[in-house]
Amino acid sequence: MPKDDLKETFIKTFKAVAVIYACLLVLFFIISAVTDKLPKPYHKRTISAEVTPWLK
């Protein structure tokens, strides 16, 4: 495989991975925003610092 083809393949692969990563990141923030607004039985619960001392 010539060097130019290898470089072109790397660039295409990098762009594809970057697009996938960006889509996953956006999807994460959308899902997080939606789950913050859910009613009481489905809401995100906050865990106290006494239960999780490593999160201080």
C-alpha atoms as a PDB file:
ATOM      1  CA  MET A   1       0.000   0.000   0.000  1.00  0.00           C
ATOM      2  CA  PRO A   2       1.490   3.366  -0.975  1.00  0.00           C
ATOM      3  CA  LYS A   3       2.175   5.902   1.733  1.00  0.00           C
ATOM      4  CA  ASP A   4      -0.478   8.337   0.436  1.00  0.00           C
ATOM      5  CA  ASP A   5      -3.198   5.672   0.582  1.00  0.00           C
ATOM      6  CA  LEU A   6      -2.223   4.817   4.133  1.00  0.00           C
ATOM      7  CA  LYS A   7      -2.402   8.469   5.174  1.00  0.00           C
ATOM      8  CA  GLU A   8      -5.781   8.897   3.463  1.00  0.00           C
ATOM      9  CA  THR A   9      -7.130   5.772   5.178  1.00  0.00           C
ATOM     10  CA  PHE A  10      -5.913   7.032   8.558  1.00  0.00           C
ATOM     11  CA  ILE A  11      -7.579  10.414   8.037  1.00  0.00           C
ATOM     12  CA  LYS A  12     -10.896   8.812   7.012  1.00  0.00           C
ATOM     13  CA  THR A  13     -10.767   6.479  10.010  1.00  0.00           C
ATOM     14  CA  PHE A  14      -9.946   9.332  12.381  1.00  0.00           C
ATOM     15  CA  LYS A  15     -12.838  11.419  11.025  1.00  0.00           C
ATOM     16  CA  ALA A  16     -15.256   8.501  11.404  1.00  0.00           C
ATOM     17  CA  VAL A  17     -14.162   7.872  14.994  1.00  0.00           C
ATOM     18  CA  ALA A  18     -14.396  11.598  15.777  1.00  0.00           C
ATOM     19  CA  VAL A  19     -17.947  11.781  14.411  1.00  0.00           C
ATOM     20  CA  ILE A  20     -18.997   8.700  16.394  1.00  0.00           C
ATOM     21  CA  TYR A  21     -17.443  10.092  19.583  1.00  0.00           C
ATOM     22  CA  ALA A  22     -19.110  13.498  19.081  1.00  0.00           C
ATOM     23  CA  CYS A  23     -22.508  11.863  18.489  1.00  0.00           C
ATOM     24  CA  LEU A  24     -22.156   9.750  21.628  1.00  0.00           C
ATOM     25  CA  LEU A  25     -21.170  12.802  23.654  1.00  0.00           C
ATOM     26  CA  VAL A  26     -24.157  14.812  22.427  1.00  0.00           C
ATOM     27  CA  LEU A  27     -26.462  11.850  23.041  1.00  0.00           C
ATOM     28  CA  PHE A  28     -25.136  11.511  26.602  1.00  0.00           C
ATOM     29  CA  PHE A  29     -25.881  15.154  27.417  1.00  0.00           C
ATOM     30  CA  ILE A  30     -29.354  14.965  25.850  1.00  0.00           C
ATOM     31  CA  ILE A  31     -30.224  11.849  27.843  1.00  0.00           C
ATOM     32  CA  SER A  32     -28.796  13.407  31.001  1.00  0.00           C
ATOM     33  CA  ALA A  33     -30.898  16.548  30.539  1.00  0.00           C
ATOM     34  CA  VAL A  34     -34.044  14.505  29.908  1.00  0.00           C
ATOM     35  CA  THR A  35     -33.508  12.270  32.933  1.00  0.00           C
ATOM     36  CA  ASP A  36     -33.018  15.321  35.174  1.00  0.00           C
ATOM     37  CA  LYS A  37     -36.614  16.340  34.434  1.00  0.00           C
ATOM     38  CA  LEU A  38     -38.287  12.990  35.135  1.00  0.00           C
ATOM     39  CA  PRO A  39     -40.970  12.773  37.860  1.00  0.00           C
ATOM     40  CA  LYS A  40     -40.406  11.386  41.362  1.00  0.00           C
ATOM     41  CA  PRO A  41     -40.240   7.589  40.953  1.00  0.00           C
ATOM     42  CA  TYR A  42     -37.859   7.879  37.986  1.00  0.00           C
ATOM     43  CA  HIS A  43     -35.736  10.862  39.021  1.00  0.00           C
ATOM     44  CA  LYS A  44     -31.988  10.799  39.597  1.00  0.00           C
ATOM     45  CA  ARG A  45     -31.312  10.397  43.272  1.00  0.00           C
ATOM     46  CA  THR A  46     -28.551  12.209  45.092  1.00  0.00           C
ATOM     47  CA  ILE A  47     -26.281  10.044  47.198  1.00  0.00           C
ATOM     48  CA  SER A  48     -25.110  11.524  50.493  1.00  0.00           C
ATOM     49  CA  ALA A  49     -21.429  12.049  51.202  1.00  0.00           C
ATOM     50  CA  GLU A  50     -21.549   9.648  54.151  1.00  0.00           C
ATOM     51  CA  VAL A  51     -22.477   6.777  51.850  1.00  0.00           C
ATOM     52  CA  THR A  52     -19.837   7.650  49.256  1.00  0.00           C
ATOM     53  CA  PRO A  53     -16.830   9.206  51.039  1.00  0.00           C
ATOM     54  CA  TRP A  54     -14.665   8.837  47.916  1.00  0.00           C
ATOM     55  CA  LEU A  55     -16.826  11.444  46.117  1.00  0.00           C
ATOM     56  CA  LYS A  56     -15.929  14.270  48.517  1.00  0.00           C
END
